[in-house]
Protein backbone atom coordinates (compact mmCIF):
# COMPACT_ATOMS: atom_id res chain seq x y z
CA MET A 1 22.66 12.89 1.32
CA SER A 2 24.28 10.40 -1.06
CA ILE A 3 24.09 6.68 -0.44
CA ASP A 4 27.19 4.55 0.10
CA TYR A 5 26.96 1.47 -2.15
CA ASN A 6 30.47 0.27 -1.28
CA GLN A 7 29.22 -1.33 1.92
CA THR A 8 27.53 -4.70 2.32
CA ILE A 9 24.39 -2.82 3.34
CA PRO A 10 23.99 0.41 1.30
CA ASN A 11 23.09 3.29 3.61
CA ASN A 12 23.29 7.00 4.30
CA VAL A 13 23.29 6.63 8.11
CA ASP A 14 27.06 6.16 8.63
CA LEU A 15 26.52 2.53 9.50
CA ALA A 16 30.27 1.83 9.38
CA THR A 17 30.77 4.02 12.46
CA ASP A 18 28.63 1.69 14.60
CA ARG A 19 30.29 -1.70 14.28
CA SER A 20 27.93 -3.45 16.71
CA LEU A 21 24.85 -2.30 14.80
CA GLN A 22 26.48 -3.09 11.46
CA ARG A 23 27.29 -6.66 12.59
CA ALA A 24 23.75 -7.19 13.86
CA LEU A 25 22.23 -6.06 10.55
CA GLU A 26 24.72 -8.11 8.54
CA GLN A 27 23.65 -11.14 10.59
CA TRP A 28 20.00 -10.39 9.77
CA GLN A 29 20.72 -9.87 6.06
CA PRO A 30 21.19 -13.58 5.07
CA GLY A 31 17.81 -14.42 6.59
CA PHE A 32 16.26 -11.67 4.50
CA ILE A 33 17.90 -13.02 1.32
CA ASP A 34 16.70 -16.54 2.19
CA TRP A 35 13.18 -15.18 2.71
CA TRP A 36 13.35 -13.37 -0.64
CA ARG A 37 14.49 -16.51 -2.46
CA GLU A 38 11.82 -18.64 -0.81
CA LEU A 39 8.84 -16.26 -0.75
CA GLY A 40 9.75 -13.47 -3.16
CA PRO A 41 8.72 -13.35 -6.84
CA VAL A 42 8.52 -16.89 -8.22
CA GLY A 43 10.80 -17.70 -11.13
CA SER A 44 12.62 -14.36 -11.08
CA GLN A 45 16.01 -15.41 -9.77
CA GLY A 46 17.77 -15.35 -13.14
CA HIS A 47 16.09 -12.26 -14.60
CA GLU A 48 17.81 -8.97 -15.30
CA VAL A 49 15.19 -6.29 -14.69
CA TYR A 50 15.22 -2.59 -15.59
CA LEU A 51 14.78 -1.24 -12.06
CA ARG A 52 15.27 2.07 -10.30
CA THR A 53 17.62 2.17 -7.35
CA ALA A 54 17.88 5.02 -4.87
CA VAL A 55 21.25 6.76 -5.14
CA SER A 56 20.35 9.78 -3.02
CA VAL A 57 17.52 11.20 -0.94
CA ASP A 58 17.63 14.45 -2.92
CA PRO A 59 14.17 14.87 -4.52
CA GLY A 60 15.78 16.34 -7.64
CA GLY A 61 17.69 13.22 -8.64
CA TRP A 62 17.32 10.36 -6.24
CA ALA A 63 16.87 7.40 -8.61
CA HIS A 64 19.08 5.58 -11.10
CA PHE A 65 17.65 3.15 -13.69
CA ASP A 66 19.56 0.12 -14.94
CA TYR A 67 19.34 -3.64 -15.26
CA VAL A 68 19.67 -5.53 -12.00
CA LYS A 69 19.81 -9.28 -11.72
CA MET A 70 17.25 -10.56 -9.26
CA PRO A 71 17.85 -11.08 -6.35
CA GLU A 72 21.02 -8.96 -6.43
CA TYR A 73 19.08 -5.73 -5.86
CA ARG A 74 20.93 -3.60 -3.32
CA TRP A 75 18.47 -3.15 -0.49
CA GLY A 76 19.57 -0.53 1.99
CA ILE A 77 18.82 2.03 4.69
CA PHE A 78 17.97 5.58 3.66
CA LEU A 79 16.79 8.48 5.82
CA ASN A 80 15.92 11.98 4.73
CA PRO A 81 18.33 14.60 6.08
CA PRO A 82 17.35 16.12 9.43
CA ALA A 83 15.55 19.44 9.41
CA ALA A 84 17.17 22.51 10.93
CA ASP A 85 16.08 22.85 14.58
CA PRO A 86 13.16 20.37 14.22
CA LYS A 87 10.28 20.57 16.67
CA ILE A 88 7.36 18.32 17.55
CA HIS A 89 4.26 19.77 15.87
CA PHE A 90 1.43 18.18 17.86
CA GLY A 91 0.32 16.56 21.08
CA GLU A 92 1.38 17.23 24.63
CA HIS A 93 5.02 17.79 23.57
CA LYS A 94 4.14 20.34 20.89
CA GLY A 95 6.93 22.87 20.40
CA GLN A 96 9.59 20.73 22.08
CA PRO A 97 12.66 19.40 20.21
CA VAL A 98 12.16 16.10 18.39
CA TRP A 99 13.62 12.92 19.87
CA ASN A 100 16.59 11.23 18.25
CA GLU A 101 16.48 8.41 20.77
CA VAL A 102 13.43 6.54 22.02
CA PRO A 103 11.91 8.08 25.18
CA GLY A 104 11.60 5.31 27.75
CA GLU A 105 7.93 5.98 28.41
CA HIS A 106 7.10 5.62 24.71
CA ARG A 107 9.29 2.62 23.96
CA ALA A 108 6.54 -0.02 23.83
CA ASN A 109 4.18 2.08 21.71
CA LEU A 110 6.87 3.13 19.23
CA ARG A 111 7.98 -0.47 18.83
CA ARG A 112 4.38 -1.51 18.23
CA ILE A 113 3.93 1.18 15.56
CA ILE A 114 7.16 0.26 13.75
CA VAL A 115 6.43 -3.47 13.82
CA ALA A 116 2.91 -3.00 12.47
CA GLN A 117 4.22 -0.91 9.59
CA GLY A 118 7.19 -3.16 8.94
CA ASP A 119 5.07 -6.32 8.85
CA THR A 120 3.01 -5.04 5.91
CA GLU A 121 6.06 -4.71 3.65
CA PRO A 122 7.11 -8.37 3.23
CA ALA A 123 3.45 -9.38 3.40
CA SER A 124 2.60 -7.73 0.09
CA VAL A 125 5.63 -9.37 -1.57
CA GLU A 126 4.34 -12.75 -0.38
CA GLN A 127 0.83 -11.99 -1.59
CA GLN A 128 2.12 -11.11 -5.07
CA ARG A 129 4.81 -13.76 -5.48
CA HIS A 130 3.07 -15.82 -8.19
CA LEU A 131 1.89 -12.92 -10.35
CA GLY A 132 5.00 -12.78 -12.49
CA LEU A 133 3.92 -16.08 -14.03
CA THR A 134 0.83 -14.42 -15.54
CA ALA A 135 2.10 -10.91 -16.36
CA PRO A 136 0.19 -9.20 -19.21
CA SER A 137 3.40 -7.61 -20.58
CA GLN A 138 7.07 -7.04 -19.86
CA TYR A 139 6.20 -3.50 -18.86
CA ASP A 140 3.82 -4.78 -16.19
CA LEU A 141 6.22 -7.50 -15.06
CA ARG A 142 8.91 -4.88 -14.53
CA ASN A 143 6.50 -2.73 -12.52
CA LEU A 144 5.59 -5.71 -10.32
CA TYR A 145 9.24 -6.37 -9.58
CA GLN A 146 9.85 -2.69 -8.84
CA VAL A 147 7.05 -2.70 -6.29
CA ASN A 148 8.38 -5.94 -4.79
CA VAL A 149 11.98 -4.77 -4.33
CA GLU A 150 10.83 -1.49 -2.82
CA GLU A 151 8.56 -3.26 -0.36
CA GLY A 152 11.65 -5.22 0.61
CA ARG A 153 13.51 -1.92 0.98
CA HIS A 154 10.76 -0.60 3.22
CA LEU A 155 11.13 -3.67 5.42
CA TRP A 156 14.81 -2.76 5.77
CA ALA A 157 13.78 0.76 6.81
CA MET A 158 11.79 -0.56 9.76
CA VAL A 159 14.32 -3.26 10.63
CA TYR A 160 17.04 -0.62 10.91
CA LEU A 161 14.95 1.32 13.41
CA LEU A 162 14.27 -1.82 15.44
CA HIS A 163 17.95 -2.81 15.52
CA ARG A 164 19.24 0.70 16.11
CA HIS A 165 16.85 1.81 18.81
CA PHE A 166 15.25 -1.22 20.52
CA GLY A 167 18.07 -3.59 21.45
CA ARG A 168 17.28 -7.27 21.89
CA ASP A 169 13.53 -6.68 21.67
CA GLY A 170 14.03 -4.96 18.32
CA ARG A 171 16.21 -7.76 16.96
CA GLU A 172 13.60 -10.34 17.96
CA GLU A 173 10.84 -8.33 16.29
CA ALA A 174 12.94 -8.01 13.12
CA ASP A 175 13.46 -11.78 13.05
CA ALA A 176 9.73 -12.38 13.58
CA MET A 177 8.87 -10.35 10.48
CA LEU A 178 10.67 -12.97 8.39
CA HIS A 179 8.78 -15.81 10.05
CA ARG A 180 5.21 -14.53 9.79
CA HIS A 181 3.77 -15.16 6.33
CA ALA A 182 0.74 -13.80 4.46
CA GLY A 183 -2.18 -16.19 4.81
CA ASP A 184 -0.33 -18.63 7.06
CA PRO A 185 -3.04 -20.13 9.32
CA ASN A 186 -0.54 -20.67 12.15
CA ASN A 187 1.58 -17.51 11.88
CA PRO A 188 -0.23 -14.91 9.73
CA ARG A 189 0.64 -11.29 9.10
CA ILE A 190 -0.60 -8.82 11.72
CA LEU A 191 -3.21 -6.97 9.62
CA GLY A 192 -6.09 -8.76 7.88
CA ALA A 193 -5.75 -7.21 4.42
CA PHE A 194 -2.21 -8.57 4.23
CA ASN A 195 -3.44 -12.13 4.57
CA GLU A 196 -5.80 -11.89 1.59
CA LYS A 197 -4.82 -13.56 -1.65
CA THR A 198 -3.73 -11.51 -4.67
CA PRO A 199 -4.48 -14.14 -7.32
CA ASP A 200 -4.69 -12.06 -10.50
CA TRP A 201 -3.54 -8.78 -12.01
CA LEU A 202 -6.82 -6.94 -11.55
CA SER A 203 -6.46 -7.75 -7.83
CA LEU A 204 -2.88 -6.46 -7.95
CA TYR A 205 -3.91 -3.18 -9.54
CA MET A 206 -6.70 -2.71 -7.01
CA PHE A 207 -4.32 -3.61 -4.18
CA THR A 208 -1.63 -1.17 -5.28
CA TYR A 209 -4.22 1.55 -5.84
CA PHE A 210 -6.20 1.13 -2.62
CA THR A 211 -3.96 -0.70 -0.14
CA ASP A 212 -0.71 1.05 -1.06
CA ARG A 213 -2.70 4.28 -0.74
CA ASP A 214 -3.38 3.28 2.85
CA GLY A 215 0.39 3.05 3.08
CA LYS A 216 0.66 6.62 1.82
CA PHE A 217 -1.60 7.91 4.59
CA GLN A 218 -0.10 5.80 7.36
CA LEU A 219 3.42 6.82 6.32
CA SER A 220 2.34 10.47 6.09
CA ALA A 221 1.04 10.29 9.67
CA LEU A 222 4.28 8.66 10.82
CA ALA A 223 6.32 11.27 8.93
CA GLU A 224 4.95 13.78 11.48
CA SER A 225 6.31 11.75 14.40
CA GLY A 226 8.24 13.39 17.20
CA PHE A 227 10.63 10.41 16.98
CA ASP A 228 12.79 11.92 14.27
CA PRO A 229 14.43 8.76 12.86
CA LEU A 230 10.96 7.34 12.16
CA ALA A 231 9.79 10.60 10.57
CA ARG A 232 12.86 10.87 8.35
CA THR A 233 12.62 7.22 7.30
CA THR A 234 8.96 7.38 6.35
CA LYS A 235 9.40 10.63 4.40
CA PHE A 236 11.75 8.85 2.02
CA MET A 237 9.50 5.77 1.90
CA LEU A 238 6.75 8.06 0.61
CA THR A 239 8.95 9.01 -2.35
CA GLU A 240 9.11 5.34 -3.37
CA GLU A 241 5.48 4.61 -2.50
CA ALA A 242 4.19 6.98 -5.19
CA HIS A 243 5.16 4.54 -7.95
CA HIS A 244 3.24 1.73 -6.27
CA MET A 245 0.03 3.74 -6.39
CA PHE A 246 0.79 4.69 -10.00
CA VAL A 247 0.98 1.00 -10.89
CA GLY A 248 -2.50 0.51 -9.45
CA GLU A 249 -4.17 3.60 -10.85
CA SER A 250 -2.72 3.20 -14.34
CA GLY A 251 -3.31 -0.56 -14.37
CA VAL A 252 -7.02 -0.22 -13.62
CA SER A 253 -7.25 2.70 -16.06
CA ARG A 254 -5.68 0.65 -18.85
CA THR A 255 -8.01 -2.27 -18.08
CA ILE A 256 -11.01 0.05 -18.32
CA GLN A 257 -9.66 1.62 -21.51
CA ARG A 258 -9.33 -1.75 -23.21
CA THR A 259 -12.83 -2.81 -22.16
CA CYS A 260 -14.27 0.44 -23.50
CA GLU A 261 -12.37 0.02 -26.78
CA VAL A 262 -13.91 -3.42 -27.27
CA MET A 263 -17.37 -2.16 -26.28
CA LYS A 264 -17.21 0.59 -28.88
CA ALA A 265 -15.75 -1.58 -31.63
CA SER A 266 -18.20 -4.44 -31.10
CA GLY A 267 -21.32 -2.56 -30.04
CA VAL A 268 -21.57 -5.04 -27.16
CA ASP A 269 -22.30 -3.99 -23.58
CA ALA A 270 -23.62 -7.19 -21.94
CA ALA A 271 -21.15 -8.61 -19.43
CA ASP A 272 -21.30 -12.19 -20.71
CA LYS A 273 -20.71 -11.12 -24.30
CA LEU A 274 -17.80 -8.88 -23.32
CA ARG A 275 -16.27 -11.76 -21.41
CA ALA A 276 -16.57 -13.89 -24.54
CA LEU A 277 -14.50 -11.20 -26.30
CA GLY A 278 -11.76 -11.57 -23.69
CA VAL A 279 -12.07 -8.34 -21.68
CA ILE A 280 -13.21 -7.60 -18.13
CA ASP A 281 -16.70 -6.11 -17.99
CA LEU A 282 -17.15 -2.89 -16.03
CA GLU A 283 -19.56 -4.51 -13.56
CA THR A 284 -16.83 -6.95 -12.51
CA ILE A 285 -14.34 -4.11 -12.16
CA GLN A 286 -16.86 -2.39 -9.85
CA ARG A 287 -17.14 -5.50 -7.68
CA TYR A 288 -13.35 -5.78 -7.40
CA LEU A 289 -13.24 -2.08 -6.48
CA ASN A 290 -15.85 -2.63 -3.75
CA PHE A 291 -13.89 -5.50 -2.24
CA HIS A 292 -10.44 -3.93 -2.16
CA TYR A 293 -11.73 -0.57 -0.99
CA SER A 294 -13.73 -2.03 1.90
CA VAL A 295 -10.92 -4.33 3.02
CA THR A 296 -8.46 -1.45 2.92
CA ILE A 297 -10.45 1.07 4.94
CA ASP A 298 -10.55 -1.48 7.77
CA LEU A 299 -6.76 -1.07 7.97
CA PHE A 300 -7.27 2.33 9.60
CA GLY A 301 -8.65 0.60 12.68
CA ALA A 302 -11.66 1.32 14.86
CA ASP A 303 -13.44 4.67 14.42
CA GLN A 304 -12.83 5.38 18.11
CA SER A 305 -9.49 4.27 19.50
CA SER A 306 -7.79 4.98 22.80
CA ASN A 307 -4.50 3.78 21.31
CA ALA A 308 -4.71 6.29 18.46
CA ALA A 309 -5.45 9.04 20.99
CA THR A 310 -2.44 8.00 23.05
CA PHE A 311 -0.16 7.91 20.01
CA TYR A 312 -1.26 11.42 19.02
CA SER A 313 -1.06 13.00 22.45
CA ALA A 314 2.36 11.45 22.98
CA GLY A 315 3.64 12.91 19.70
CA LEU A 316 4.29 9.49 18.15
CA LYS A 317 1.91 9.58 15.15
CA GLY A 318 0.24 12.66 13.75
CA ARG A 319 -2.49 13.35 11.23
CA TYR A 320 -2.22 13.61 7.47
CA GLY A 321 -0.80 17.05 6.65
CA GLU A 322 -0.54 17.88 10.36
CA THR A 323 1.31 21.19 9.94
CA LYS A 324 -1.22 22.42 7.37
CA LEU A 325 -4.24 21.93 9.64
CA ASP A 326 -5.76 24.99 11.28
CA ASP A 327 -6.31 23.99 14.90
CA ASP A 328 -4.35 23.86 18.15
CA HIS A 329 -2.72 20.45 17.32
CA VAL A 330 -3.51 19.26 20.84
CA LEU A 331 -7.24 18.49 20.38
CA LYS A 332 -8.19 18.04 24.02
CA ASP A 333 -11.39 20.06 23.59
CA ALA A 334 -12.03 19.36 19.89
CA THR A 335 -14.63 17.04 18.37
CA TYR A 336 -14.91 15.13 15.11
CA PRO A 337 -17.91 13.43 13.43
CA ILE A 338 -18.15 9.66 13.14
CA LEU A 339 -20.94 7.37 11.95
CA GLU A 340 -22.90 4.80 13.94
CA VAL A 341 -25.94 2.57 13.58
CA ALA A 342 -28.89 4.08 15.45
CA ASN A 343 -32.50 2.88 15.21
CA GLY A 344 -31.74 0.81 12.13
CA ARG A 345 -30.15 3.70 10.25
CA ILE A 346 -26.72 5.23 9.86
CA ALA A 347 -26.38 8.46 11.79
CA GLU A 348 -23.62 10.95 12.53
CA LYS A 349 -22.45 11.92 15.98
CA GLN A 350 -19.70 14.14 17.36
CA VAL A 351 -17.02 12.51 19.50
CA SER A 352 -13.63 13.48 20.88
CA ALA A 353 -11.22 14.43 18.10
CA LEU A 354 -8.47 12.57 19.95
CA SER A 355 -10.36 9.29 20.10
CA SER A 356 -11.34 9.59 16.41
CA ILE A 357 -7.85 10.13 14.95
CA ASN A 358 -8.25 6.89 12.96
CA GLU A 359 -11.54 8.05 11.49
CA ARG A 360 -10.10 11.36 10.38
CA LEU A 361 -7.24 9.60 8.61
CA ARG A 362 -9.74 7.21 7.00
CA ASP A 363 -11.78 10.18 5.74
CA ASP A 364 -8.65 11.79 4.29
CA TYR A 365 -7.91 8.51 2.54
CA ILE A 366 -11.46 8.23 1.19
CA ARG A 367 -11.30 11.69 -0.39
CA ASP A 368 -8.02 10.79 -2.08
CA SER A 369 -9.38 7.45 -3.29
CA VAL A 370 -12.53 9.01 -4.73
CA ALA A 371 -10.44 11.44 -6.77
CA GLY A 372 -8.67 8.56 -8.48
CA VAL A 373 -11.90 6.72 -9.20
CA GLU A 374 -13.15 9.87 -10.89
CA ARG A 375 -10.10 9.74 -13.14
CA TRP A 376 -11.13 6.21 -14.12
CA ASN A 377 -14.63 7.51 -14.85
CA ARG A 378 -13.20 10.06 -17.24
CA VAL A 379 -11.78 7.18 -19.31
CA ILE A 380 -15.29 5.73 -19.53
CA GLU A 381 -16.86 9.11 -20.29
CA LYS A 382 -14.35 9.75 -23.06
CA SER A 383 -15.57 6.53 -24.70
CA GLY A 384 -19.17 7.73 -24.50
CA ILE A 385 -20.28 4.78 -22.40
CA PRO A 386 -23.06 5.48 -19.84
CA PHE A 387 -21.46 3.78 -16.83
CA ARG A 388 -19.85 5.16 -13.69
CA LEU A 389 -17.67 3.44 -11.14
CA GLN A 390 -18.45 4.41 -7.57
CA VAL A 391 -16.72 4.06 -4.24
CA PRO A 392 -19.10 2.24 -1.87
CA HIS A 393 -20.28 3.72 1.41
CA LYS A 394 -17.60 3.50 4.07
CA ALA A 395 -19.83 1.27 6.21
CA PHE A 396 -20.02 -1.36 3.44
CA ASN A 397 -18.46 -4.79 4.11
CA ARG A 398 -16.65 -3.68 7.25
CA LYS A 399 -15.07 -6.11 9.71
CA ILE A 400 -13.70 -3.54 12.18
CA GLY A 401 -15.34 -0.71 14.12
CA SER A 402 -18.95 0.38 14.55
CA PHE A 403 -20.13 -1.40 11.40
CA ALA A 404 -18.46 -4.76 11.97
CA ALA A 405 -21.76 -6.38 12.93
CA ALA A 406 -23.93 -4.45 10.46
CA ARG A 407 -25.06 -5.39 6.97
CA VAL A 408 -24.74 -2.27 4.81
CA SER A 409 -25.31 -2.01 1.07
CA PRO A 410 -22.86 -0.10 -1.17
CA ASP A 411 -25.26 2.86 -1.23
CA GLY A 412 -25.27 3.07 2.56
CA ARG A 413 -28.53 1.34 3.56
CA ILE A 414 -28.80 -0.99 6.53
CA VAL A 415 -30.15 -4.21 5.02
CA SER A 416 -31.41 -7.50 6.38
CA GLU A 417 -29.42 -10.70 6.20
CA ALA A 418 -31.75 -11.89 3.44
CA GLU A 419 -31.25 -8.74 1.37
CA TRP A 420 -27.49 -8.93 1.87
CA ASN A 421 -27.41 -12.54 0.71
CA ALA A 422 -29.54 -11.65 -2.31
CA GLY A 423 -27.36 -8.68 -3.27
CA VAL A 424 -23.83 -9.69 -2.35
CA GLY A 425 -23.24 -11.38 -5.70
CA ASN A 426 -23.77 -8.01 -7.38
CA TRP A 427 -21.63 -6.15 -4.83
CA LEU A 428 -18.54 -8.31 -4.28
CA PRO A 429 -16.57 -10.58 -6.64
CA SER A 430 -18.04 -14.05 -6.88
CA ASP A 431 -16.12 -17.28 -7.38
CA GLU A 432 -17.30 -17.10 -11.00
CA ASP A 433 -15.91 -13.56 -11.37
CA ARG A 434 -12.56 -14.60 -9.98
CA ALA A 435 -12.43 -17.71 -12.15
CA PHE A 436 -13.17 -15.65 -15.27
CA VAL A 437 -10.50 -13.05 -14.47
CA ALA A 438 -8.06 -15.87 -13.74
CA SER A 439 -8.83 -17.39 -17.14
CA LEU A 440 -7.51 -14.23 -18.83
CA MET A 441 -4.20 -14.35 -17.01
CA GLY A 442 -1.90 -15.71 -19.71
CA ARG A 443 1.73 -14.61 -19.64
CA VAL A 444 2.89 -12.18 -22.36
CA VAL A 445 6.64 -11.61 -22.42
CA GLU A 446 7.48 -10.41 -25.94
CA PRO A 447 8.60 -6.74 -25.76
CA GLY A 448 5.86 -4.37 -26.87
CA LYS A 449 3.10 -7.01 -26.73
CA PHE A 450 0.17 -6.83 -24.30
CA ALA A 451 -2.56 -9.23 -23.22
CA ASN A 452 -5.89 -8.65 -24.95
CA TRP A 453 -7.63 -7.47 -21.77
CA ILE A 454 -5.38 -4.45 -21.07
CA ALA A 455 -4.29 -1.42 -23.11
CA PRO A 456 -0.63 -0.40 -23.45
CA PRO A 457 0.58 2.56 -21.36
CA ALA A 458 0.76 5.98 -22.95
CA VAL A 459 4.40 6.36 -21.82
CA GLY A 460 6.97 3.81 -20.70
CA ILE A 461 9.07 3.80 -17.54
CA ASN A 462 11.86 6.42 -17.47
CA ARG A 463 10.62 7.67 -20.85
CA GLN A 464 11.35 4.34 -22.49
CA PRO A 465 8.98 3.12 -25.23
CA ALA A 466 6.39 0.49 -24.36
CA SER A 467 8.36 -1.90 -26.63
CA PHE A 468 11.49 -1.52 -24.49
CA GLU A 469 13.06 -4.73 -23.19
CA TYR A 470 12.20 -4.24 -19.53
CA VAL A 471 13.12 -7.78 -18.51
CA ARG A 472 15.97 -9.94 -19.79
CA PHE A 473 15.08 -13.51 -18.97
CA GLY A 474 17.85 -15.71 -17.63
């Protein structure tokens, strides 16, 4: 399915055949551009950036790379092609044909799901808007802008569904997503993690590794939806989302690599001495990891949720890899283990698999996250340094669910308030940690040059060399 770039709004959904919908989206478009200019990447308006743009939804050749002047990126609406004779794979409607229009009884819940997903997309752009001013290289600046424009594209994906399928309510929800802002005390974004600050590039890398990985799992669950337009939209969003996680994983890996290089060359391993040499000590990287991981796993919601059970049974939102799971895909009699605090300790108990859909998705996410952290550890091991990064216990630093009121250490112990207060400085980034990392954030814009605290990539974007001119400054 090729994409028509001759229209005001690029699309592969035959938008020109629905004049009413086209007019409504063209009326929304100027507000989006105004939002981008006001709250998108600061100081980027005159830049020409080497960006990828979707030209098809064919996995074999969907992206084209070229210079695009910000903010003239062509945001559009792209859905994967429909499957042949598609069926709903789970819930009470299992085996029935998918829906191409919104069933009346599921209208409110589908709108809620789409709005929650859509609201995260502009939020991350807002959180990251100042980072271009402190980019450690042109390569990294280009990657930031690629993530930003694709988050804007993902907002368009959800806005299309709202306009196309939800009438006036949908148009109002689409407008509201341009008026909520990350961290705004009066009109914040819907989910907590998307109101946190992203003040430095280590935070960005952790965010794109952990929080965009949440996006991978949420989108994968939505890609199973019985509402076919949502499933087809999110399947293509996943294609773009992979780069966002790459930015995070490779960014942290390169930060670790540079720290290890300095440790080996200098023979220094004390955090204060490494900081004096201008790199980020591994202990600080661990604390940043703890924070971003714990904030992100709250995004999956409560460990037991009647809403999640309803969404599953109704066929609106499935599980990760739903069709690959070996069960009846209805789950009325199935159970799943969750954790709780019992007698001052963390214990496991079996609960309804339907009510614990969130917890299962969180566990899938945790396994995937741990695998990436192990790849970071291999960088450290290769340097011969006796240090290992670890993902904290999933009860650590939680604000949602069974552990919201508990104090739990990274190794999974219930601790007293006094022990928490004594240990938190070693477990989560302190103001001093954040100030030090911020002090390293000087902008490097000469092609092929990198800030002292991060190593160059092994390979550039689209097989370009690291010295490639990724950004032409206007």
